[in-house]
C-alpha atoms as a PDB file:
ATOM      1  CA  MET A   1      -9.127 -16.155  -0.702  1.00  0.00           C
ATOM      2  CA  GLN A   2      -6.734 -17.011  -3.496  1.00  0.00           C
ATOM      3  CA  LYS A   3      -3.227 -18.148  -2.559  1.00  0.00           C
ATOM      4  CA  VAL A   4       0.084 -17.535  -4.314  1.00  0.00           C
ATOM      5  CA  GLU A   5       3.099 -19.523  -3.069  1.00  0.00           C
ATOM      6  CA  LEU A   6       6.607 -18.119  -3.501  1.00  0.00           C
ATOM      7  CA  THR A   7      10.107 -19.164  -2.477  1.00  0.00           C
ATOM      8  CA  ASP A   8      11.914 -16.570  -0.391  1.00  0.00           C
ATOM      9  CA  SER A   9      15.049 -14.967  -1.755  1.00  0.00           C
ATOM     10  CA  GLN A  10      17.271 -12.067  -0.809  1.00  0.00           C
ATOM     11  CA  ILE A  11      15.782  -9.935  -3.598  1.00  0.00           C
ATOM     12  CA  LEU A  12      12.092 -10.837  -3.197  1.00  0.00           C
ATOM     13  CA  LYS A  13       9.732  -7.879  -3.156  1.00  0.00           C
ATOM     14  CA  ILE A  14       5.936  -8.036  -2.826  1.00  0.00           C
ATOM     15  CA  HIS A  15       3.777  -5.150  -3.990  1.00  0.00           C
ATOM     16  CA  CYS A  16       0.072  -4.664  -3.314  1.00  0.00           C
ATOM     17  CA  PRO A  17      -1.739  -6.027  -6.384  1.00  0.00           C
ATOM     18  CA  PHE A  18      -4.322  -3.230  -6.139  1.00  0.00           C
ATOM     19  CA  CYS A  19      -2.310  -0.031  -5.657  1.00  0.00           C
ATOM     20  CA  GLY A  20       1.291  -1.128  -6.259  1.00  0.00           C
ATOM     21  CA  SER A  21       2.620  -0.070  -2.845  1.00  0.00           C
ATOM     22  CA  LEU A  22       5.709  -1.951  -1.692  1.00  0.00           C
ATOM     23  CA  ALA A  23       4.643  -4.277   1.133  1.00  0.00           C
ATOM     24  CA  LEU A  24       7.622  -6.606   1.587  1.00  0.00           C
ATOM     25  CA  SER A  25      11.274  -6.151   0.709  1.00  0.00           C
ATOM     26  CA  PRO A  26      14.610  -7.173   2.196  1.00  0.00           C
ATOM     27  CA  GLU A  27      14.496  -3.870   4.110  1.00  0.00           C
ATOM     28  CA  GLY A  28      11.216  -4.690   5.895  1.00  0.00           C
ATOM     29  CA  THR A  29       7.426  -4.526   5.625  1.00  0.00           C
ATOM     30  CA  SER A  30       4.791  -1.840   5.277  1.00  0.00           C
ATOM     31  CA  HIS A  31       1.062  -1.835   4.689  1.00  0.00           C
ATOM     32  CA  CYS A  32      -1.431   0.092   2.571  1.00  0.00           C
ATOM     33  CA  GLU A  33      -5.215   0.427   2.703  1.00  0.00           C
ATOM     34  CA  HIS A  34      -5.576  -2.949   0.931  1.00  0.00           C
ATOM     35  CA  THR A  35      -3.433  -4.964   3.360  1.00  0.00           C
ATOM     36  CA  LEU A  36      -5.463  -7.437   5.425  1.00  0.00           C
ATOM     37  CA  TYR A  37      -2.546  -8.841   7.391  1.00  0.00           C
ATOM     38  CA  ILE A  38       1.205  -9.336   7.510  1.00  0.00           C
ATOM     39  CA  ALA A  39       2.307 -12.419   9.443  1.00  0.00           C
ATOM     40  CA  SER A  40       5.017 -15.011   9.847  1.00  0.00           C
ATOM     41  CA  ASP A  41       5.167 -18.377  11.556  1.00  0.00           C
ATOM     42  CA  GLU A  42       5.946 -16.427  14.740  1.00  0.00           C
ATOM     43  CA  GLY A  43       2.701 -14.403  14.673  1.00  0.00           C
ATOM     44  CA  PHE A  44       1.007 -11.350  13.216  1.00  0.00           C
ATOM     45  CA  GLU A  45       2.897  -8.137  12.564  1.00  0.00           C
ATOM     46  CA  TYR A  46      -0.133  -6.246  11.255  1.00  0.00           C
ATOM     47  CA  VAL A  47      -3.887  -6.975  11.164  1.00  0.00           C
ATOM     48  CA  SER A  48      -6.377  -4.694   9.425  1.00  0.00           C
ATOM     49  CA  ASN A  49      -9.468  -3.602  11.307  1.00  0.00           C
ATOM     50  CA  LYS A  50     -11.403  -5.108   8.361  1.00  0.00           C
ATOM     51  CA  LEU A  51     -10.796  -8.535   9.933  1.00  0.00           C
ATOM     52  CA  GLN A  52     -12.682  -9.742  12.992  1.00  0.00           C
ATOM     53  CA  PHE A  53      -9.716 -10.774  15.143  1.00  0.00           C
ATOM     54  CA  ASN A  54      -6.642  -9.195  16.664  1.00  0.00           C
ATOM     55  CA  GLU A  55      -2.948  -9.994  16.550  1.00  0.00           C
ATOM     56  CA  ASP A  56      -3.114 -12.199  19.674  1.00  0.00           C
ATOM     57  CA  VAL A  57      -5.060 -15.042  18.028  1.00  0.00           C
ATOM     58  CA  ASP A  58      -4.783 -18.454  19.721  1.00  0.00           C
ATOM     59  CA  LEU A  59      -3.736 -20.878  17.002  1.00  0.00           C
ATOM     60  CA  ASP A  60      -4.470 -24.054  19.001  1.00  0.00           C
ATOM     61  CA  GLU A  61      -3.525 -26.975  16.760  1.00  0.00           C
ATOM     62  CA  LYS A  62      -3.083 -24.977  13.532  1.00  0.00           C
ATOM     63  CA  SER A  63       0.018 -23.475  12.011  1.00  0.00           C
ATOM     64  CA  MET A  64      -0.059 -19.815  10.989  1.00  0.00           C
ATOM     65  CA  ASP A  65      -0.211 -20.949   7.349  1.00  0.00           C
ATOM     66  CA  GLU A  66      -3.259 -23.133   8.035  1.00  0.00           C
ATOM     67  CA  PHE A  67      -4.930 -20.416  10.103  1.00  0.00           C
ATOM     68  CA  THR A  68      -4.488 -17.778   7.400  1.00  0.00           C
ATOM     69  CA  ASP A  69      -5.652 -20.259   4.725  1.00  0.00           C
ATOM     70  CA  ASP A  70      -8.962 -20.511   6.615  1.00  0.00           C
ATOM     71  CA  ILE A  71      -9.646 -16.756   6.573  1.00  0.00           C
ATOM     72  CA  GLU A  72     -12.492 -16.101   4.173  1.00  0.00           C
ATOM     73  CA  TYR A  73     -12.526 -12.724   2.470  1.00  0.00           C
ATOM     74  CA  VAL A  74     -14.068 -11.976  -0.929  1.00  0.00           C
ATOM     75  CA  ASN A  75     -11.707 -10.871  -3.715  1.00  0.00           C
ATOM     76  CA  ALA A  76      -8.599 -11.273  -1.571  1.00  0.00           C
ATOM     77  CA  VAL A  77      -5.209 -12.784  -2.299  1.00  0.00           C
ATOM     78  CA  LYS A  78      -2.707 -14.308   0.127  1.00  0.00           C
ATOM     79  CA  PHE A  79       0.995 -14.435  -0.682  1.00  0.00           C
ATOM     80  CA  ALA A  80       2.755 -17.272   1.173  1.00  0.00           C
ATOM     81  CA  ILE A  81       6.534 -16.957   1.123  1.00  0.00           C
ATOM     82  CA  TYR A  82       8.506 -19.997   2.221  1.00  0.00           C
ATOM     83  CA  GLN A  83      12.210 -20.220   2.980  1.00  0.00           C
ATOM     84  CA  PRO A  84      13.854 -23.290   1.469  1.00  0.00           C
ATOM     85  CA  ALA A  85      15.130 -26.232   3.519  1.00  0.00           C
ATOM     86  CA  PRO A  86      16.317 -26.600   6.181  1.00  0.00           C
ATOM     87  CA  ASN A  87      14.329 -23.611   7.580  1.00  0.00           C
ATOM     88  CA  PHE A  88      10.882 -23.931   5.969  1.00  0.00           C
ATOM     89  CA  PHE A  89       9.993 -20.648   7.740  1.00  0.00           C
ATOM     90  CA  GLY A  90       6.939 -18.891   6.274  1.00  0.00           C
ATOM     91  CA  GLY A  91       5.739 -15.357   5.821  1.00  0.00           C
ATOM     92  CA  TYR A  92       2.186 -14.387   4.827  1.00  0.00           C
ATOM     93  CA  LEU A  93       0.650 -11.228   3.384  1.00  0.00           C
ATOM     94  CA  ALA A  94      -2.937 -10.761   2.269  1.00  0.00           C
ATOM     95  CA  PHE A  95      -4.568  -7.982   0.295  1.00  0.00           C
ATOM     96  CA  ALA A  96      -8.161  -7.170  -0.657  1.00  0.00           C
ATOM     97  CA  LYS A  97      -9.642  -4.559  -2.955  1.00  0.00           C
ATOM     98  CA  GLU A  98     -12.347  -3.540  -0.469  1.00  0.00           C
END
């Protein structure tokens, strides 16, 4: 899975790279048929049935960022959005064509 890192801002919007649907905006999140997951450091908000786990994954020693980095999915892209210091809070969205 490819990874794109972005810095969070009050005007940041993420659109699905395959269909153009708005997935993340200051108003909230939504998903389309290409969305694999929507997550933050606090857990998963949405998980596609294309993936082989549910939203209650036990992260053990990994952070959510590390866990989602380890998900293998062909032709997929992960957007990692980080808030600047002092928060360093992260949000993660992934999309796949198929």
